[in-house]
Amino acid sequence: MSTRRTENTVGDHDPATSGTPTTVLSVGLHPSAIDYGRYPGLDEATMTARIDAGDAALRAAGFDFVPCRVPATPDEAEAVVRACVGSRPFAVVMIGAGVRMAPEHTELFERLVNVINEVAPGISFCFNTSPESTIDALRRWVTPTDVPR
């Protein structure tokens, strides 16, 4: 049996009836926090460009999202996420592959999941494999909403 959500709600937030868009929190490492020595051929400028292109694609697809770029240190990252989540209700959070897939970020990933659960109970989580796969990850859980520009 699938546990996939069929509606875009968290708590009382229902974009279909509230007139407010489904908002996505996109959490990932700040490009300056990545150890590029682990990734031959990748540097901060390239990663920044990929993230910016992914963000532009999300906007073009109609997603209302809040980017939340965190440092690699768990205490500092937790503070950044608390500030981002405090800004508005969210339907889903996407936690990037850079946080989840590097063994040295296991504690960071745990802390982020736990703080997000604490400050946004009931939120759905989705996961990408790269900045380019974020749209696919989000579409598994929410439908883009045309957002007034």
N, C-alpha and C. Protein backbone atom coordinates (compact mmCIF):
# COMPACT_ATOMS: atom_id res chain seq x y z
N MET A 1 0.83 -1.18 0.00
CA MET A 1 0.00 0.00 0.00
C MET A 1 0.88 1.24 0.00
N SER A 2 0.58 2.17 -0.88
CA SER A 2 1.35 3.39 -1.00
C SER A 2 1.00 4.38 0.11
N THR A 3 2.02 5.10 0.56
CA THR A 3 1.77 6.15 1.55
C THR A 3 1.83 7.53 0.91
N ARG A 4 1.89 7.58 -0.40
CA ARG A 4 1.98 8.85 -1.10
C ARG A 4 0.74 9.68 -0.83
N ARG A 5 0.95 10.95 -0.57
CA ARG A 5 -0.16 11.86 -0.33
C ARG A 5 -0.88 12.15 -1.62
N THR A 6 -2.18 12.28 -1.53
CA THR A 6 -2.97 12.62 -2.71
C THR A 6 -3.44 14.06 -2.66
N GLU A 7 -3.20 14.76 -1.57
CA GLU A 7 -3.56 16.16 -1.46
C GLU A 7 -2.31 16.95 -1.07
N ASN A 8 -2.42 18.25 -1.16
CA ASN A 8 -1.28 19.13 -0.89
C ASN A 8 -1.49 19.85 0.43
N THR A 9 -1.58 19.13 1.53
CA THR A 9 -1.89 19.79 2.79
C THR A 9 -0.88 19.44 3.86
N VAL A 10 -0.72 20.33 4.78
CA VAL A 10 0.01 20.11 6.02
C VAL A 10 -0.80 20.83 7.07
N GLY A 11 -1.25 20.12 8.05
CA GLY A 11 -2.11 20.75 9.05
C GLY A 11 -3.35 21.32 8.40
N ASP A 12 -3.60 22.61 8.60
CA ASP A 12 -4.77 23.26 8.04
C ASP A 12 -4.50 23.91 6.69
N HIS A 13 -3.31 23.79 6.16
CA HIS A 13 -2.96 24.46 4.91
C HIS A 13 -3.43 23.61 3.73
N ASP A 14 -4.45 24.09 3.02
CA ASP A 14 -4.96 23.40 1.84
C ASP A 14 -5.04 24.41 0.71
N PRO A 15 -4.08 24.40 -0.23
CA PRO A 15 -4.05 25.41 -1.27
C PRO A 15 -5.29 25.38 -2.16
N ALA A 16 -5.95 24.23 -2.26
CA ALA A 16 -7.13 24.14 -3.10
C ALA A 16 -8.29 24.96 -2.54
N THR A 17 -8.34 25.13 -1.23
CA THR A 17 -9.45 25.85 -0.63
C THR A 17 -9.04 27.15 0.04
N SER A 18 -7.76 27.32 0.31
CA SER A 18 -7.34 28.50 1.05
C SER A 18 -6.97 29.67 0.16
N GLY A 19 -6.77 29.41 -1.14
CA GLY A 19 -6.35 30.48 -2.02
C GLY A 19 -4.87 30.80 -1.91
N THR A 20 -4.14 30.08 -1.08
CA THR A 20 -2.71 30.31 -0.96
C THR A 20 -1.97 29.17 -1.65
N PRO A 21 -0.83 29.46 -2.24
CA PRO A 21 -0.13 28.43 -2.99
C PRO A 21 0.52 27.38 -2.09
N THR A 22 0.76 26.22 -2.67
CA THR A 22 1.51 25.18 -2.00
C THR A 22 2.96 25.63 -1.95
N THR A 23 3.50 25.71 -0.77
CA THR A 23 4.87 26.19 -0.64
C THR A 23 5.79 25.04 -0.29
N VAL A 24 6.92 25.02 -0.97
CA VAL A 24 7.92 23.98 -0.82
C VAL A 24 9.15 24.59 -0.16
N LEU A 25 9.71 23.89 0.83
CA LEU A 25 10.97 24.27 1.43
C LEU A 25 12.06 23.41 0.79
N SER A 26 13.04 24.05 0.20
CA SER A 26 14.13 23.35 -0.46
C SER A 26 15.40 23.53 0.36
N VAL A 27 15.80 22.46 1.07
CA VAL A 27 16.95 22.52 1.97
C VAL A 27 18.15 21.83 1.30
N GLY A 28 19.26 22.53 1.26
CA GLY A 28 20.47 21.95 0.70
C GLY A 28 21.69 22.65 1.24
N LEU A 29 22.82 22.02 1.06
CA LEU A 29 24.08 22.65 1.47
C LEU A 29 24.32 23.91 0.66
N HIS A 30 24.79 24.93 1.34
CA HIS A 30 25.23 26.12 0.62
C HIS A 30 26.43 25.69 -0.23
N PRO A 31 26.54 26.18 -1.45
CA PRO A 31 27.67 25.76 -2.29
C PRO A 31 29.04 25.96 -1.64
N SER A 32 29.17 26.92 -0.76
CA SER A 32 30.46 27.14 -0.09
C SER A 32 30.74 26.09 0.98
N ALA A 33 29.75 25.27 1.34
CA ALA A 33 29.91 24.26 2.39
C ALA A 33 30.29 22.89 1.86
N ILE A 34 30.42 22.76 0.57
CA ILE A 34 30.69 21.47 -0.05
C ILE A 34 32.20 21.24 -0.17
N ASP A 35 32.64 20.02 0.12
CA ASP A 35 34.03 19.63 -0.05
C ASP A 35 34.20 19.16 -1.50
N TYR A 36 34.66 20.03 -2.36
CA TYR A 36 34.76 19.72 -3.79
C TYR A 36 35.89 18.75 -4.11
N GLY A 37 36.77 18.50 -3.16
CA GLY A 37 37.82 17.51 -3.37
C GLY A 37 37.24 16.12 -3.59
N ARG A 38 36.04 15.90 -3.11
CA ARG A 38 35.36 14.59 -3.30
C ARG A 38 34.72 14.45 -4.68
N TYR A 39 34.63 15.56 -5.41
CA TYR A 39 33.88 15.57 -6.67
C TYR A 39 34.73 16.16 -7.79
N PRO A 40 35.57 15.33 -8.42
CA PRO A 40 36.42 15.83 -9.51
C PRO A 40 35.57 16.48 -10.61
N GLY A 41 36.04 17.63 -11.06
CA GLY A 41 35.35 18.32 -12.14
C GLY A 41 34.23 19.24 -11.65
N LEU A 42 33.99 19.25 -10.36
CA LEU A 42 32.95 20.11 -9.81
C LEU A 42 33.60 21.16 -8.92
N ASP A 43 33.12 22.39 -9.03
CA ASP A 43 33.62 23.47 -8.17
C ASP A 43 32.44 24.31 -7.72
N GLU A 44 32.72 25.28 -6.85
CA GLU A 44 31.65 26.09 -6.28
C GLU A 44 30.87 26.86 -7.34
N ALA A 45 31.55 27.41 -8.32
CA ALA A 45 30.87 28.18 -9.36
C ALA A 45 29.94 27.29 -10.18
N THR A 46 30.40 26.10 -10.52
CA THR A 46 29.57 25.16 -11.28
C THR A 46 28.36 24.73 -10.47
N MET A 47 28.58 24.40 -9.19
CA MET A 47 27.47 23.97 -8.35
C MET A 47 26.46 25.11 -8.16
N THR A 48 26.96 26.30 -7.94
CA THR A 48 26.07 27.45 -7.79
C THR A 48 25.22 27.63 -9.04
N ALA A 49 25.84 27.51 -10.21
CA ALA A 49 25.10 27.65 -11.47
C ALA A 49 24.04 26.55 -11.60
N ARG A 50 24.37 25.33 -11.21
CA ARG A 50 23.40 24.23 -11.28
C ARG A 50 22.23 24.47 -10.33
N ILE A 51 22.52 24.93 -9.12
CA ILE A 51 21.46 25.21 -8.15
C ILE A 51 20.59 26.36 -8.66
N ASP A 52 21.21 27.42 -9.17
CA ASP A 52 20.45 28.55 -9.70
C ASP A 52 19.56 28.12 -10.87
N ALA A 53 20.08 27.27 -11.73
CA ALA A 53 19.28 26.78 -12.86
C ALA A 53 18.11 25.93 -12.36
N GLY A 54 18.37 25.10 -11.35
CA GLY A 54 17.30 24.30 -10.76
C GLY A 54 16.23 25.16 -10.13
N ASP A 55 16.64 26.21 -9.41
CA ASP A 55 15.69 27.14 -8.80
C ASP A 55 14.86 27.83 -9.88
N ALA A 56 15.49 28.26 -10.97
CA ALA A 56 14.76 28.91 -12.06
C ALA A 56 13.76 27.95 -12.70
N ALA A 57 14.15 26.68 -12.84
CA ALA A 57 13.24 25.68 -13.40
C ALA A 57 12.03 25.46 -12.48
N LEU A 58 12.26 25.48 -11.17
CA LEU A 58 11.15 25.34 -10.23
C LEU A 58 10.16 26.50 -10.38
N ARG A 59 10.69 27.71 -10.45
CA ARG A 59 9.83 28.88 -10.61
C ARG A 59 9.06 28.79 -11.93
N ALA A 60 9.76 28.43 -13.00
CA ALA A 60 9.12 28.33 -14.32
C ALA A 60 8.03 27.26 -14.34
N ALA A 61 8.21 26.22 -13.54
CA ALA A 61 7.22 25.14 -13.48
C ALA A 61 6.04 25.50 -12.57
N GLY A 62 6.10 26.65 -11.90
CA GLY A 62 4.99 27.09 -11.07
C GLY A 62 5.10 26.75 -9.60
N PHE A 63 6.24 26.25 -9.17
CA PHE A 63 6.40 25.93 -7.75
C PHE A 63 6.67 27.20 -6.95
N ASP A 64 5.99 27.32 -5.81
CA ASP A 64 6.27 28.37 -4.84
C ASP A 64 7.22 27.74 -3.84
N PHE A 65 8.46 28.16 -3.84
CA PHE A 65 9.43 27.50 -2.97
C PHE A 65 10.31 28.51 -2.28
N VAL A 66 10.83 28.07 -1.14
CA VAL A 66 11.77 28.87 -0.37
C VAL A 66 13.08 28.10 -0.32
N PRO A 67 14.14 28.64 -0.95
CA PRO A 67 15.44 27.97 -0.84
C PRO A 67 16.04 28.21 0.53
N CYS A 68 16.59 27.17 1.10
CA CYS A 68 17.19 27.26 2.44
C CYS A 68 18.56 26.58 2.35
N ARG A 69 19.59 27.36 2.09
CA ARG A 69 20.95 26.85 1.93
C ARG A 69 21.64 26.86 3.29
N VAL A 70 22.11 25.70 3.70
CA VAL A 70 22.65 25.56 5.05
C VAL A 70 24.15 25.31 5.04
N PRO A 71 24.82 25.69 6.14
CA PRO A 71 26.23 25.32 6.31
C PRO A 71 26.32 23.84 6.69
N ALA A 72 27.53 23.31 6.70
CA ALA A 72 27.73 21.89 7.00
C ALA A 72 27.73 21.58 8.49
N THR A 73 27.83 22.58 9.33
CA THR A 73 27.84 22.33 10.77
C THR A 73 26.41 22.20 11.29
N PRO A 74 26.10 21.10 11.99
CA PRO A 74 24.72 20.85 12.41
C PRO A 74 24.07 21.97 13.22
N ASP A 75 24.77 22.55 14.19
CA ASP A 75 24.16 23.61 15.01
C ASP A 75 23.80 24.83 14.15
N GLU A 76 24.70 25.24 13.30
CA GLU A 76 24.43 26.40 12.44
C GLU A 76 23.34 26.08 11.43
N ALA A 77 23.37 24.87 10.86
CA ALA A 77 22.35 24.47 9.89
C ALA A 77 20.97 24.44 10.53
N GLU A 78 20.89 23.93 11.76
CA GLU A 78 19.61 23.89 12.47
C GLU A 78 19.05 25.30 12.64
N ALA A 79 19.87 26.25 13.01
CA ALA A 79 19.42 27.63 13.18
C ALA A 79 18.91 28.21 11.86
N VAL A 80 19.60 27.93 10.77
CA VAL A 80 19.18 28.43 9.46
C VAL A 80 17.82 27.82 9.09
N VAL A 81 17.66 26.52 9.29
CA VAL A 81 16.39 25.86 8.95
C VAL A 81 15.26 26.40 9.81
N ARG A 82 15.50 26.59 11.09
CA ARG A 82 14.45 27.16 11.96
C ARG A 82 14.00 28.53 11.43
N ALA A 83 14.94 29.34 10.98
CA ALA A 83 14.60 30.65 10.44
C ALA A 83 13.80 30.52 9.14
N CYS A 84 14.19 29.60 8.28
CA CYS A 84 13.47 29.39 7.02
C CYS A 84 12.06 28.87 7.26
N VAL A 85 11.91 27.89 8.13
CA VAL A 85 10.61 27.28 8.38
C VAL A 85 9.68 28.25 9.08
N GLY A 86 10.23 29.13 9.90
CA GLY A 86 9.41 30.08 10.61
C GLY A 86 8.75 31.11 9.71
N SER A 87 9.12 31.14 8.44
CA SER A 87 8.64 32.19 7.55
C SER A 87 7.22 31.97 7.02
N ARG A 88 6.74 30.73 6.95
CA ARG A 88 5.42 30.46 6.39
C ARG A 88 5.11 28.98 6.47
N PRO A 89 3.86 28.57 6.20
CA PRO A 89 3.55 27.14 6.21
C PRO A 89 4.11 26.46 4.94
N PHE A 90 4.50 25.22 5.08
CA PHE A 90 5.04 24.45 3.96
C PHE A 90 4.27 23.16 3.79
N ALA A 91 4.09 22.75 2.53
CA ALA A 91 3.43 21.49 2.23
C ALA A 91 4.43 20.34 2.19
N VAL A 92 5.63 20.64 1.72
CA VAL A 92 6.64 19.59 1.55
C VAL A 92 8.02 20.21 1.70
N VAL A 93 8.96 19.40 2.16
CA VAL A 93 10.35 19.81 2.22
C VAL A 93 11.16 18.84 1.37
N MET A 94 12.03 19.41 0.55
CA MET A 94 12.95 18.62 -0.25
C MET A 94 14.33 18.82 0.36
N ILE A 95 14.96 17.71 0.78
CA ILE A 95 16.32 17.78 1.32
C ILE A 95 17.26 17.23 0.26
N GLY A 96 18.22 18.05 -0.13
CA GLY A 96 19.11 17.74 -1.23
C GLY A 96 20.06 16.58 -0.99
N ALA A 97 20.51 16.03 -2.09
CA ALA A 97 21.40 14.87 -2.08
C ALA A 97 22.73 15.17 -1.40
N GLY A 98 23.22 16.40 -1.49
CA GLY A 98 24.49 16.74 -0.86
C GLY A 98 24.46 16.56 0.65
N VAL A 99 23.29 16.78 1.24
CA VAL A 99 23.14 16.58 2.68
C VAL A 99 23.01 15.09 3.00
N ARG A 100 22.26 14.38 2.20
CA ARG A 100 21.91 12.99 2.51
C ARG A 100 22.95 11.96 2.11
N MET A 101 23.66 12.19 1.05
CA MET A 101 24.44 11.12 0.45
C MET A 101 25.91 11.06 0.86
N ALA A 102 26.42 12.10 1.48
CA ALA A 102 27.82 12.09 1.91
C ALA A 102 27.87 11.59 3.36
N PRO A 103 28.62 10.52 3.61
CA PRO A 103 28.66 9.95 4.97
C PRO A 103 29.03 10.98 6.05
N GLU A 104 29.87 11.94 5.71
CA GLU A 104 30.27 12.92 6.72
C GLU A 104 29.13 13.86 7.11
N HIS A 105 28.02 13.81 6.38
CA HIS A 105 26.87 14.66 6.70
C HIS A 105 25.72 13.88 7.35
N THR A 106 25.99 12.68 7.82
CA THR A 106 24.93 11.88 8.45
C THR A 106 24.31 12.60 9.64
N GLU A 107 25.14 13.13 10.54
CA GLU A 107 24.60 13.85 11.69
C GLU A 107 23.81 15.09 11.25
N LEU A 108 24.32 15.79 10.26
CA LEU A 108 23.63 16.95 9.73
C LEU A 108 22.24 16.56 9.21
N PHE A 109 22.17 15.50 8.44
CA PHE A 109 20.90 15.02 7.89
C PHE A 109 19.93 14.67 9.02
N GLU A 110 20.40 13.93 10.01
CA GLU A 110 19.54 13.58 11.15
C GLU A 110 19.00 14.83 11.83
N ARG A 111 19.88 15.78 12.08
CA ARG A 111 19.45 17.01 12.76
C ARG A 111 18.42 17.76 11.94
N LEU A 112 18.63 17.85 10.64
CA LEU A 112 17.69 18.57 9.78
C LEU A 112 16.32 17.89 9.78
N VAL A 113 16.30 16.58 9.63
CA VAL A 113 15.02 15.85 9.65
C VAL A 113 14.31 16.08 10.98
N ASN A 114 15.02 15.97 12.07
CA ASN A 114 14.40 16.12 13.39
C ASN A 114 13.91 17.54 13.65
N VAL A 115 14.68 18.55 13.27
CA VAL A 115 14.22 19.92 13.50
C VAL A 115 13.04 20.25 12.60
N ILE A 116 13.05 19.76 11.38
CA ILE A 116 11.92 20.02 10.48
C ILE A 116 10.66 19.34 11.02
N ASN A 117 10.79 18.11 11.50
CA ASN A 117 9.64 17.44 12.12
C ASN A 117 9.13 18.21 13.32
N GLU A 118 10.03 18.79 14.08
CA GLU A 118 9.64 19.55 15.27
C GLU A 118 8.88 20.83 14.92
N VAL A 119 9.38 21.59 13.95
CA VAL A 119 8.80 22.90 13.65
C VAL A 119 7.69 22.84 12.60
N ALA A 120 7.57 21.75 11.88
CA ALA A 120 6.53 21.59 10.86
C ALA A 120 5.95 20.18 10.93
N PRO A 121 5.25 19.87 12.03
CA PRO A 121 4.71 18.51 12.19
C PRO A 121 3.81 18.12 11.00
N GLY A 122 3.99 16.90 10.55
CA GLY A 122 3.15 16.40 9.46
C GLY A 122 3.63 16.74 8.07
N ILE A 123 4.72 17.48 7.96
CA ILE A 123 5.22 17.85 6.64
C ILE A 123 5.69 16.60 5.89
N SER A 124 5.52 16.60 4.59
CA SER A 124 6.02 15.51 3.75
C SER A 124 7.45 15.82 3.34
N PHE A 125 8.23 14.76 3.19
CA PHE A 125 9.62 14.88 2.77
C PHE A 125 9.76 14.29 1.38
N CYS A 126 10.61 14.90 0.56
CA CYS A 126 11.00 14.29 -0.71
C CYS A 126 12.49 14.52 -0.89
N PHE A 127 13.08 13.76 -1.80
CA PHE A 127 14.52 13.78 -1.95
C PHE A 127 14.90 13.74 -3.42
N ASN A 128 15.88 14.57 -3.78
CA ASN A 128 16.39 14.55 -5.13
C ASN A 128 17.73 13.80 -5.17
N THR A 129 18.26 13.66 -6.37
CA THR A 129 19.59 13.07 -6.52
C THR A 129 20.58 14.09 -7.06
N SER A 130 20.07 15.24 -7.52
CA SER A 130 20.88 16.33 -8.04
C SER A 130 19.98 17.56 -8.16
N PRO A 131 20.56 18.75 -8.35
CA PRO A 131 19.70 19.92 -8.55
C PRO A 131 18.74 19.74 -9.74
N GLU A 132 19.18 18.99 -10.73
CA GLU A 132 18.36 18.80 -11.93
C GLU A 132 17.17 17.87 -11.70
N SER A 133 17.19 17.05 -10.64
CA SER A 133 16.08 16.12 -10.39
C SER A 133 15.09 16.63 -9.34
N THR A 134 15.26 17.87 -8.90
CA THR A 134 14.39 18.41 -7.86
C THR A 134 12.93 18.47 -8.31
N ILE A 135 12.68 18.91 -9.52
CA ILE A 135 11.29 18.99 -10.01
C ILE A 135 10.63 17.62 -9.95
N ASP A 136 11.31 16.59 -10.38
CA ASP A 136 10.72 15.24 -10.34
C ASP A 136 10.41 14.82 -8.92
N ALA A 137 11.32 15.12 -8.00
CA ALA A 137 11.09 14.76 -6.59
C ALA A 137 9.87 15.48 -6.05
N LEU A 138 9.73 16.76 -6.35
CA LEU A 138 8.59 17.52 -5.86
C LEU A 138 7.28 17.04 -6.47
N ARG A 139 7.29 16.73 -7.75
CA ARG A 139 6.06 16.29 -8.42
C ARG A 139 5.53 14.97 -7.87
N ARG A 140 6.37 14.21 -7.19
CA ARG A 140 5.86 12.99 -6.56
C ARG A 140 4.95 13.31 -5.39
N TRP A 141 5.02 14.55 -4.86
CA TRP A 141 4.28 14.91 -3.65
C TRP A 141 3.34 16.09 -3.79
N VAL A 142 3.64 17.04 -4.64
CA VAL A 142 2.80 18.22 -4.80
C VAL A 142 2.66 18.60 -6.26
N THR A 143 1.64 19.38 -6.52
CA THR A 143 1.40 19.89 -7.86
C THR A 143 1.80 21.36 -7.88
N PRO A 144 2.51 21.77 -8.92
CA PRO A 144 2.87 23.20 -8.99
C PRO A 144 1.62 24.07 -8.97
N THR A 145 1.77 25.25 -8.42
CA THR A 145 0.69 26.22 -8.36
C THR A 145 1.15 27.47 -9.08
N ASP A 146 0.27 28.00 -9.91
CA ASP A 146 0.63 29.26 -10.54
C ASP A 146 0.72 30.32 -9.46
N VAL A 147 1.86 30.92 -9.33
CA VAL A 147 2.13 31.87 -8.27
C VAL A 147 2.17 33.26 -8.91
N PRO A 148 1.44 34.23 -8.35
CA PRO A 148 1.53 35.58 -8.89
C PRO A 148 2.97 36.08 -8.80
N ARG A 149 3.44 36.68 -9.83
CA ARG A 149 4.80 37.17 -9.87
C ARG A 149 4.86 38.63 -9.47
